[in-house]
Amino acid sequence: MPGDLISVVASFDIKLSDFGITNSMIPNRVSDKIQITANLVGSKIN
């Protein structure tokens, strides 16, 4: 890509129960803790 580039990669865990999300339909099949991964790329075109 032309121009200046920046790339940011972030990975973190969240607990669904912290946001009031529960799994009463199929308990013990979906973890309360999930991992979020984001990969952001930006460019500045001169």
C-alpha atoms as a PDB file:
ATOM      1  CA  MET A   1       0.000   0.000   0.000  1.00  0.00           C
ATOM      2  CA  PRO A   2       1.272   3.496  -0.677  1.00  0.00           C
ATOM      3  CA  GLY A   3       1.912   5.984   2.134  1.00  0.00           C
ATOM      4  CA  ASP A   4       2.646   5.542   5.817  1.00  0.00           C
ATOM      5  CA  LEU A   5       1.159   2.432   7.420  1.00  0.00           C
ATOM      6  CA  ILE A   6       0.211   1.528  10.958  1.00  0.00           C
ATOM      7  CA  SER A   7      -0.915  -1.859  12.209  1.00  0.00           C
ATOM      8  CA  VAL A   8      -2.414  -2.586  15.604  1.00  0.00           C
ATOM      9  CA  VAL A   9      -3.173  -6.086  16.865  1.00  0.00           C
ATOM     10  CA  ALA A  10      -5.040  -6.560  20.135  1.00  0.00           C
ATOM     11  CA  SER A  11      -6.234  -9.695  21.879  1.00  0.00           C
ATOM     12  CA  PHE A  12      -8.143  -9.814  25.158  1.00  0.00           C
ATOM     13  CA  ASP A  13     -10.578 -11.955  27.106  1.00  0.00           C
ATOM     14  CA  ILE A  14     -14.016 -10.904  28.299  1.00  0.00           C
ATOM     15  CA  LYS A  15     -16.542 -12.614  30.550  1.00  0.00           C
ATOM     16  CA  LEU A  16     -20.012 -12.725  29.036  1.00  0.00           C
ATOM     17  CA  SER A  17     -21.579 -12.659  32.502  1.00  0.00           C
ATOM     18  CA  ASP A  18     -20.014  -9.216  33.100  1.00  0.00           C
ATOM     19  CA  PHE A  19     -22.377  -7.952  30.387  1.00  0.00           C
ATOM     20  CA  GLY A  20     -25.446  -9.830  31.624  1.00  0.00           C
ATOM     21  CA  ILE A  21     -25.193 -12.550  28.968  1.00  0.00           C
ATOM     22  CA  THR A  22     -26.088 -16.013  30.220  1.00  0.00           C
ATOM     23  CA  ASN A  23     -26.472 -19.351  28.516  1.00  0.00           C
ATOM     24  CA  SER A  24     -29.446 -21.081  30.100  1.00  0.00           C
ATOM     25  CA  MET A  25     -30.401 -23.060  26.961  1.00  0.00           C
ATOM     26  CA  ILE A  26     -27.275 -25.242  26.756  1.00  0.00           C
ATOM     27  CA  PRO A  27     -25.270 -24.749  29.949  1.00  0.00           C
ATOM     28  CA  ASN A  28     -21.627 -25.858  30.049  1.00  0.00           C
ATOM     29  CA  ARG A  29     -21.390 -25.873  26.230  1.00  0.00           C
ATOM     30  CA  VAL A  30     -20.409 -22.239  25.710  1.00  0.00           C
ATOM     31  CA  SER A  31     -17.679 -20.768  27.894  1.00  0.00           C
ATOM     32  CA  ASP A  32     -18.404 -17.677  29.985  1.00  0.00           C
ATOM     33  CA  LYS A  33     -14.980 -16.364  28.931  1.00  0.00           C
ATOM     34  CA  ILE A  34     -14.342 -15.620  25.253  1.00  0.00           C
ATOM     35  CA  GLN A  35     -11.337 -14.176  23.449  1.00  0.00           C
ATOM     36  CA  ILE A  36     -11.646 -11.125  21.201  1.00  0.00           C
ATOM     37  CA  THR A  37      -8.942 -10.456  18.600  1.00  0.00           C
ATOM     38  CA  ALA A  38      -8.794  -7.266  16.526  1.00  0.00           C
ATOM     39  CA  ASN A  39      -6.381  -6.479  13.692  1.00  0.00           C
ATOM     40  CA  LEU A  40      -6.524  -2.853  12.506  1.00  0.00           C
ATOM     41  CA  VAL A  41      -4.530  -1.425   9.598  1.00  0.00           C
ATOM     42  CA  GLY A  42      -4.477   2.222   8.585  1.00  0.00           C
ATOM     43  CA  SER A  43      -2.643   4.198   5.940  1.00  0.00           C
ATOM     44  CA  LYS A  44      -1.873   7.829   5.176  1.00  0.00           C
ATOM     45  CA  ILE A  45      -1.720   8.631   1.505  1.00  0.00           C
ATOM     46  CA  ASN A  46       0.373  11.703   0.693  1.00  0.00           C
END
